[in-house]
Amino acid sequence: MASITTRSLIKEYPGGVRGVDEMDVTIHDGEFFALLGPSGCGKTTLLRTIAGLEKSTSGSIKIGDREVTNMEPGQRRVAMVFQDYALFPHMSISDNIAYPLKIQKVAKAERHSRAEEVGDKLSLQGLLERRPGQLSGGQQQRVALARAVTSRPDVFLFDEPLSNLDARLRLEARTFLKKLQLDLGVTTVFVTHDQAEALALADRIAIMRSGKMQQLGTPREVFQRPANTFVASFVGSTSMNLLKGNVADGGVMIGHQKVALPADAVGRVGDGQEITWGARPEYLDISLDPVHGGLEGTVTVSENLGASALITVELTGSGEPVQVVVSEDHEPGIGTRVWVTFEPRRTLLFDAEGLRIGD
């Protein structure tokens, strides 16, 4: 097991485009670390640079106490699981799992013994003599994981390994992957554009945009205290409500309606300052009766989420939409006049540059 440290890491492509731009990050020994961001943000480039599949333009990479910046991939003691699993179609499952050991020139008997041992742990009993084309997507994913495990690496690198699975299998595989990593205790870097996966699996998350890190923190930190409006809108199963407003008389004017300042913004903003007011739909509620300090509006959309519903309220005056998650027992009808309520401590302010105001 080993930590991963990058310092001033740059990966630049022809034309001056930087897939990774001055990346400084330390991934702790035994940590499950997620790289999260939209397509093209540089997360896979960073993963491949750590693996040695991409050569960095400048900067350094250390795995444990070893400087690996200029090492070949095979010398870095990492195992990578790709999005498409990259299994050899002409080989048996047993040979696929044992392939890294063959490269390491491990004796054939030991290779098959270890492949069988790992296959049993990953519920692949009875499938070892089959070919990849004879397995389901979920089984192929477990084979790819087994191949990574059997080489006993210092680091696992996962490039969206669940994205080819259907919704139900994906949830099952997510739970399985988390348990596997906890059992093995191997430092794991997991690339995904699915924020639900990152929130569920990771000890810490790095949110990336255009090759740069936007925020690094625990799932709870990036969900509750996003560093900027990009993180606020990207993280969460429903985006944070972000409404333009102005500071006035110790509160925030959103259109013609006034709401309380977030507690940590008190004393940090002045009257007339243009800000963005943010609140997660999960932290809002709806009242059918007038509430002082609430936001008045009309229900325009109701989306069934099963045990809850996502309600869109069009604010009176400004017409701005606000989304609220309510329980299935408190779902108002379309056209209902309501007041959106909240606790000020659950709201945030962002400045004109989109940076969060407060600690």
Protein backbone atom coordinates (compact mmCIF):
# COMPACT_ATOMS: atom_id res chain seq x y z
CA MET A 1 0.00 0.00 0.00
CA ALA A 2 1.14 3.55 -0.67
CA SER A 3 0.16 7.18 -0.84
CA ILE A 4 0.16 9.15 -4.11
CA THR A 5 1.57 12.66 -4.33
CA THR A 6 1.60 14.98 -7.33
CA ARG A 7 3.38 18.32 -7.31
CA SER A 8 2.93 21.04 -9.96
CA LEU A 9 1.82 18.28 -12.35
CA ILE A 10 1.11 19.43 -15.90
CA LYS A 11 0.01 17.39 -18.89
CA GLU A 12 -0.08 19.61 -21.96
CA TYR A 13 -1.22 18.59 -25.43
CA PRO A 14 -0.22 20.16 -28.77
CA GLY A 15 -1.77 23.59 -29.13
CA GLY A 16 -1.18 24.44 -25.48
CA VAL A 17 -4.28 22.64 -24.17
CA ARG A 18 -3.70 21.43 -20.62
CA GLY A 19 -5.48 18.26 -19.60
CA VAL A 20 -3.92 18.59 -16.14
CA ASP A 21 -2.96 22.08 -15.02
CA GLU A 22 -0.60 22.55 -12.04
CA MET A 23 -2.11 19.70 -9.99
CA ASP A 24 -1.01 19.42 -6.37
CA VAL A 25 -2.70 16.60 -4.49
CA THR A 26 -1.86 14.01 -1.84
CA ILE A 27 -3.90 10.80 -1.75
CA HIS A 28 -3.46 9.03 1.56
CA ASP A 29 -2.38 5.43 2.08
CA GLY A 30 -5.45 3.16 1.97
CA GLU A 31 -7.79 5.98 0.92
CA PHE A 32 -10.67 5.65 -1.55
CA PHE A 33 -10.20 8.86 -3.55
CA ALA A 34 -12.59 10.00 -6.29
CA LEU A 35 -11.82 12.30 -9.21
CA LEU A 36 -15.12 13.88 -10.19
CA GLY A 37 -16.03 16.25 -12.98
CA PRO A 38 -17.77 16.63 -16.33
CA SER A 39 -16.49 15.04 -19.53
CA GLY A 40 -13.26 16.66 -20.69
CA CYS A 41 -12.30 18.08 -17.29
CA GLY A 42 -9.00 16.16 -17.15
CA LYS A 43 -9.81 13.47 -14.57
CA THR A 44 -8.97 10.52 -16.84
CA THR A 45 -5.85 12.31 -18.07
CA LEU A 46 -4.69 12.68 -14.46
CA LEU A 47 -5.40 9.00 -13.78
CA ARG A 48 -3.51 7.88 -16.90
CA THR A 49 -0.60 10.16 -16.00
CA ILE A 50 -0.39 8.57 -12.55
CA ALA A 51 -0.45 5.16 -14.25
CA GLY A 52 2.31 6.17 -16.68
CA LEU A 53 0.09 5.70 -19.74
CA GLU A 54 0.46 9.44 -20.40
CA LYS A 55 3.81 11.18 -19.96
CA SER A 56 3.62 14.34 -17.87
CA THR A 57 4.86 17.60 -19.39
CA SER A 58 6.32 18.78 -16.07
CA GLY A 59 5.95 18.26 -12.35
CA SER A 60 6.38 15.12 -10.28
CA ILE A 61 4.53 12.00 -9.14
CA LYS A 62 5.41 9.89 -6.11
CA ILE A 63 3.86 6.59 -5.09
CA GLY A 64 4.80 5.95 -1.50
CA ASP A 65 8.41 7.07 -1.18
CA ARG A 66 9.23 6.24 -4.82
CA GLU A 67 9.61 8.94 -7.46
CA VAL A 68 7.78 7.41 -10.45
CA THR A 69 7.46 10.40 -12.79
CA ASN A 70 9.69 8.88 -15.46
CA MET A 71 9.07 5.19 -14.72
CA GLU A 72 7.39 2.87 -17.20
CA PRO A 73 3.83 1.79 -16.27
CA GLY A 74 4.94 -1.73 -15.38
CA GLN A 75 7.42 -0.42 -12.82
CA ARG A 76 4.90 1.67 -10.87
CA ARG A 77 3.13 -1.23 -9.10
CA VAL A 78 -0.34 0.04 -10.02
CA ALA A 79 -3.30 -1.88 -11.43
CA MET A 80 -5.82 -0.15 -13.68
CA VAL A 81 -9.41 -1.14 -14.45
CA PHE A 82 -10.71 0.46 -17.63
CA GLN A 83 -14.21 1.55 -18.60
CA ASP A 84 -14.52 -1.26 -21.18
CA TYR A 85 -12.69 -3.79 -18.90
CA ALA A 86 -10.11 -4.53 -21.65
CA LEU A 87 -10.39 -8.33 -21.30
CA PHE A 88 -8.70 -10.62 -23.82
CA PRO A 89 -11.58 -12.28 -25.74
CA HIS A 90 -9.54 -15.32 -26.82
CA MET A 91 -8.40 -16.18 -23.28
CA SER A 92 -10.26 -18.03 -20.55
CA ILE A 93 -11.36 -16.08 -17.49
CA SER A 94 -8.64 -17.83 -15.50
CA ASP A 95 -5.96 -16.74 -17.98
CA ASN A 96 -7.33 -13.19 -18.04
CA ILE A 97 -7.12 -12.97 -14.25
CA ALA A 98 -3.63 -14.48 -14.21
CA TYR A 99 -2.26 -12.39 -17.10
CA PRO A 100 -0.43 -9.79 -14.91
CA LEU A 101 1.35 -12.68 -13.18
CA LYS A 102 2.40 -14.10 -16.54
CA ILE A 103 3.98 -10.73 -17.39
CA GLN A 104 5.79 -10.89 -14.03
CA LYS A 105 7.04 -14.39 -15.03
CA VAL A 106 5.29 -16.12 -12.13
CA ALA A 107 5.22 -19.93 -12.53
CA LYS A 108 2.14 -21.31 -14.30
CA ALA A 109 0.93 -23.40 -11.33
CA GLU A 110 1.09 -20.42 -8.97
CA ARG A 111 -0.64 -18.19 -11.54
CA HIS A 112 -3.63 -20.48 -11.77
CA SER A 113 -3.72 -21.04 -8.03
CA ARG A 114 -3.88 -17.30 -7.37
CA ALA A 115 -6.42 -16.77 -10.15
CA GLU A 116 -8.66 -19.42 -8.58
CA GLU A 117 -8.24 -17.90 -5.11
CA VAL A 118 -9.12 -14.39 -6.27
CA GLY A 119 -11.93 -15.70 -8.49
CA ASP A 120 -13.52 -17.40 -5.49
CA LYS A 121 -13.38 -14.18 -3.47
CA LEU A 122 -15.10 -12.29 -6.28
CA SER A 123 -17.84 -14.91 -6.81
CA LEU A 124 -16.49 -16.18 -10.13
CA GLN A 125 -16.56 -19.86 -9.19
CA GLY A 126 -17.55 -22.06 -12.12
CA LEU A 127 -16.77 -19.34 -14.66
CA LEU A 128 -12.98 -19.58 -14.85
CA GLU A 129 -12.89 -21.74 -17.99
CA ARG A 130 -15.34 -19.56 -19.92
CA ARG A 131 -14.43 -16.75 -22.31
CA PRO A 132 -15.35 -13.08 -21.64
CA GLY A 133 -17.99 -13.11 -24.39
CA GLN A 134 -19.92 -15.77 -22.43
CA LEU A 135 -20.29 -13.54 -19.35
CA SER A 136 -22.67 -10.77 -18.41
CA GLY A 137 -21.50 -7.18 -18.00
CA GLY A 138 -21.47 -7.51 -14.22
CA GLN A 139 -19.42 -10.71 -14.39
CA GLN A 140 -16.93 -9.13 -16.82
CA GLN A 141 -16.54 -6.23 -14.42
CA ARG A 142 -15.67 -8.64 -11.60
CA VAL A 143 -13.12 -10.36 -13.86
CA ALA A 144 -11.46 -6.99 -14.53
CA LEU A 145 -11.36 -6.35 -10.77
CA ALA A 146 -9.99 -9.85 -10.14
CA ARG A 147 -7.19 -9.25 -12.65
CA ALA A 148 -6.30 -6.02 -10.83
CA VAL A 149 -6.38 -7.71 -7.41
CA THR A 150 -4.29 -10.74 -8.38
CA SER A 151 -1.20 -8.63 -9.15
CA ARG A 152 -1.22 -7.30 -5.55
CA PRO A 153 -0.53 -3.69 -6.53
CA ASP A 154 0.25 -0.74 -4.29
CA VAL A 155 -2.50 1.31 -5.95
CA PHE A 156 -5.78 0.65 -7.78
CA LEU A 157 -6.71 3.06 -10.59
CA PHE A 158 -10.34 2.80 -11.74
CA ASP A 159 -11.49 4.64 -14.88
CA GLU A 160 -15.31 4.70 -14.71
CA PRO A 161 -15.50 0.91 -14.23
CA LEU A 162 -19.26 0.92 -13.55
CA SER A 163 -20.44 3.08 -16.45
CA ASN A 164 -21.27 0.14 -18.77
CA LEU A 165 -23.61 -1.51 -16.27
CA ASP A 166 -27.36 -1.00 -16.11
CA ALA A 167 -28.81 0.97 -13.18
CA ARG A 168 -29.51 -1.97 -10.86
CA LEU A 169 -26.21 -3.75 -11.51
CA ARG A 170 -24.43 -0.46 -11.04
CA LEU A 171 -25.81 -0.07 -7.53
CA GLU A 172 -24.88 -3.66 -6.65
CA ALA A 173 -21.39 -3.24 -8.12
CA ARG A 174 -20.91 0.02 -6.21
CA THR A 175 -21.57 -1.71 -2.90
CA PHE A 176 -19.35 -4.62 -3.88
CA LEU A 177 -16.50 -2.31 -4.94
CA LYS A 178 -16.61 -0.35 -1.68
CA LYS A 179 -16.53 -3.55 0.40
CA LEU A 180 -13.68 -4.96 -1.70
CA GLN A 181 -11.59 -1.81 -1.21
CA LEU A 182 -12.26 -1.80 2.54
CA ASP A 183 -11.28 -5.49 2.80
CA LEU A 184 -8.06 -5.03 0.80
CA GLY A 185 -7.12 -1.61 2.18
CA VAL A 186 -5.41 -0.67 -1.10
CA THR A 187 -5.11 3.00 -2.04
CA THR A 188 -7.73 3.55 -4.75
CA VAL A 189 -8.26 6.38 -7.23
CA PHE A 190 -11.67 6.25 -8.88
CA VAL A 191 -12.62 8.41 -11.87
CA THR A 192 -16.29 9.17 -12.44
CA HIS A 193 -18.60 11.86 -13.81
CA ASP A 194 -21.43 10.45 -11.65
CA GLN A 195 -21.55 12.51 -8.46
CA ALA A 196 -23.81 9.93 -6.73
CA GLU A 197 -21.05 7.32 -7.18
CA ALA A 198 -18.41 9.68 -5.85
CA LEU A 199 -20.49 10.68 -2.81
CA ALA A 200 -21.30 7.04 -2.00
CA LEU A 201 -17.83 5.55 -2.44
CA ALA A 202 -15.15 8.10 -1.67
CA ASP A 203 -13.36 9.06 1.52
CA ARG A 204 -12.45 12.31 -0.24
CA ILE A 205 -13.39 13.83 -3.59
CA ALA A 206 -11.48 16.15 -5.91
CA ILE A 207 -13.81 18.07 -8.22
CA MET A 208 -12.10 19.05 -11.49
CA ARG A 209 -12.86 21.52 -14.24
CA SER A 210 -10.70 22.37 -17.27
CA GLY A 211 -7.69 20.54 -15.82
CA LYS A 212 -7.81 22.37 -12.47
CA MET A 213 -9.02 21.25 -9.08
CA GLN A 214 -12.05 23.23 -7.91
CA GLN A 215 -12.39 21.68 -4.47
CA LEU A 216 -10.95 18.83 -2.40
CA GLY A 217 -12.86 17.49 0.58
CA THR A 218 -15.00 14.78 2.09
CA PRO A 219 -18.34 13.98 0.42
CA ARG A 220 -20.15 15.87 3.18
CA GLU A 221 -17.89 18.92 2.81
CA VAL A 222 -18.32 19.27 -0.95
CA PHE A 223 -22.08 18.66 -0.66
CA GLN A 224 -22.76 21.05 2.21
CA ARG A 225 -19.98 23.63 1.70
CA PRO A 226 -19.16 23.85 -2.03
CA ALA A 227 -16.23 26.16 -2.72
CA ASN A 228 -17.91 27.85 -5.68
CA THR A 229 -21.02 27.86 -7.83
CA PHE A 230 -19.58 25.28 -10.24
CA VAL A 231 -19.18 22.72 -7.44
CA ALA A 232 -22.56 23.72 -6.00
CA SER A 233 -24.32 23.05 -9.29
CA PHE A 234 -22.35 19.91 -10.18
CA VAL A 235 -22.47 17.98 -6.91
CA GLY A 236 -25.78 16.51 -5.73
CA SER A 237 -28.49 14.35 -7.27
CA THR A 238 -30.36 17.62 -7.81
CA SER A 239 -28.43 20.82 -8.44
CA MET A 240 -28.28 23.49 -5.77
CA ASN A 241 -30.72 26.36 -6.27
CA LEU A 242 -28.63 29.39 -7.24
CA LEU A 243 -30.53 32.68 -7.36
CA LYS A 244 -29.14 36.13 -8.20
CA GLY A 245 -29.79 38.78 -5.58
CA ASN A 246 -28.56 41.84 -3.69
CA VAL A 247 -27.69 42.42 -0.06
CA ALA A 248 -30.09 44.92 1.54
CA ASP A 249 -30.93 45.85 5.16
CA GLY A 250 -29.22 42.82 6.66
CA GLY A 251 -30.86 40.36 4.30
CA VAL A 252 -30.89 39.20 0.68
CA MET A 253 -33.36 40.58 -1.87
CA ILE A 254 -34.36 37.97 -4.45
CA GLY A 255 -36.55 39.90 -6.82
CA HIS A 256 -38.94 41.74 -4.50
CA GLN A 257 -38.71 39.16 -1.71
CA LYS A 258 -36.33 39.33 1.22
CA VAL A 259 -34.69 36.36 2.94
CA ALA A 260 -32.28 36.11 5.86
CA LEU A 261 -28.52 36.14 5.40
CA PRO A 262 -26.70 32.85 5.99
CA ALA A 263 -25.13 32.92 9.45
CA ASP A 264 -21.53 32.76 8.19
CA ALA A 265 -22.15 35.64 5.73
CA VAL A 266 -23.16 38.11 8.45
CA GLY A 267 -20.56 40.89 8.62
CA ARG A 268 -18.90 39.74 5.39
CA VAL A 269 -21.20 41.47 2.89
CA GLY A 270 -22.50 45.01 2.51
CA ASP A 271 -25.71 46.64 1.26
CA GLY A 272 -25.96 46.76 -2.51
CA GLN A 273 -23.50 43.90 -3.04
CA GLU A 274 -24.50 41.57 -5.86
CA ILE A 275 -24.44 37.95 -4.72
CA THR A 276 -25.79 34.51 -5.55
CA TRP A 277 -27.98 32.88 -2.90
CA GLY A 278 -27.73 29.08 -2.76
CA ALA A 279 -29.81 26.38 -1.11
CA ARG A 280 -30.01 22.66 -1.77
CA PRO A 281 -33.48 21.31 -2.62
CA GLU A 282 -33.08 18.72 0.16
CA TYR A 283 -32.66 21.51 2.76
CA LEU A 284 -35.81 23.41 1.73
CA ASP A 285 -39.43 22.79 2.70
CA ILE A 286 -42.86 23.95 1.55
CA SER A 287 -45.65 25.55 3.57
CA LEU A 288 -49.20 26.09 2.34
CA ASP A 289 -49.57 28.96 4.82
CA PRO A 290 -47.76 32.33 4.64
CA VAL A 291 -44.38 32.23 6.40
CA HIS A 292 -42.39 35.36 7.28
CA GLY A 293 -39.02 35.14 5.56
CA GLY A 294 -40.18 32.40 3.19
CA LEU A 295 -40.22 32.70 -0.60
CA GLU A 296 -43.72 32.92 -2.06
CA GLY A 297 -44.46 31.19 -5.32
CA THR A 298 -46.58 28.79 -7.32
CA VAL A 299 -45.98 25.09 -7.96
CA THR A 300 -45.36 24.55 -11.68
CA VAL A 301 -43.83 21.04 -11.84
CA SER A 302 -43.93 17.94 -9.64
CA GLU A 303 -41.54 15.05 -10.37
CA ASN A 304 -42.12 11.71 -8.64
CA LEU A 305 -38.90 10.33 -7.06
CA GLY A 306 -40.54 7.38 -5.34
CA ALA A 307 -40.58 8.08 -1.60
CA SER A 308 -40.20 11.80 -2.33
CA ALA A 309 -41.03 14.36 -5.01
CA LEU A 310 -39.05 17.16 -6.63
CA ILE A 311 -41.23 20.26 -6.69
CA THR A 312 -40.49 23.29 -8.87
CA VAL A 313 -41.87 26.57 -7.50
CA GLU A 314 -41.98 29.71 -9.66
CA LEU A 315 -41.32 32.67 -7.36
CA THR A 316 -43.85 35.47 -7.25
CA GLY A 317 -42.54 38.64 -8.90
CA SER A 318 -39.23 37.39 -10.28
CA GLY A 319 -40.49 34.19 -11.90
CA GLU A 320 -37.27 32.44 -10.79
CA PRO A 321 -37.65 28.63 -10.41
CA VAL A 322 -36.76 27.04 -7.06
CA GLN A 323 -36.67 23.27 -6.58
CA VAL A 324 -37.66 21.59 -3.32
CA VAL A 325 -37.55 17.91 -2.30
CA VAL A 326 -40.62 16.95 -0.24
CA SER A 327 -41.88 13.63 1.14
CA GLU A 328 -44.52 11.75 -0.82
CA ASP A 329 -47.10 12.63 1.86
CA HIS A 330 -46.61 16.39 1.45
CA GLU A 331 -46.66 16.80 -2.32
CA PRO A 332 -48.61 19.94 -3.33
CA GLY A 333 -50.63 20.03 -6.54
CA ILE A 334 -49.72 21.96 -9.66
CA GLY A 335 -50.87 25.57 -9.36
CA THR A 336 -50.81 25.60 -5.56
CA ARG A 337 -49.65 28.82 -3.92
CA VAL A 338 -46.86 27.95 -1.46
CA TRP A 339 -44.05 29.42 0.63
CA VAL A 340 -40.57 27.91 0.37
CA THR A 341 -39.03 27.77 3.86
CA PHE A 342 -35.53 27.05 5.11
CA GLU A 343 -33.05 27.40 7.94
CA PRO A 344 -30.57 30.25 7.20
CA ARG A 345 -27.69 28.02 8.37
CA ARG A 346 -28.49 25.67 5.48
CA THR A 347 -28.12 28.43 2.88
CA LEU A 348 -24.99 29.88 1.26
CA LEU A 349 -23.87 33.09 -0.44
CA PHE A 350 -21.46 33.33 -3.37
CA ASP A 351 -19.74 36.50 -4.58
CA ALA A 352 -19.72 37.96 -8.08
CA GLU A 353 -16.85 35.61 -9.07
CA GLY A 354 -18.83 32.60 -7.86
CA LEU A 355 -16.73 31.95 -4.73
CA ARG A 356 -18.47 31.01 -1.48
CA ILE A 357 -18.63 33.77 1.13
CA GLY A 358 -17.83 32.55 4.63
CA ASP A 359 -15.71 29.96 6.38
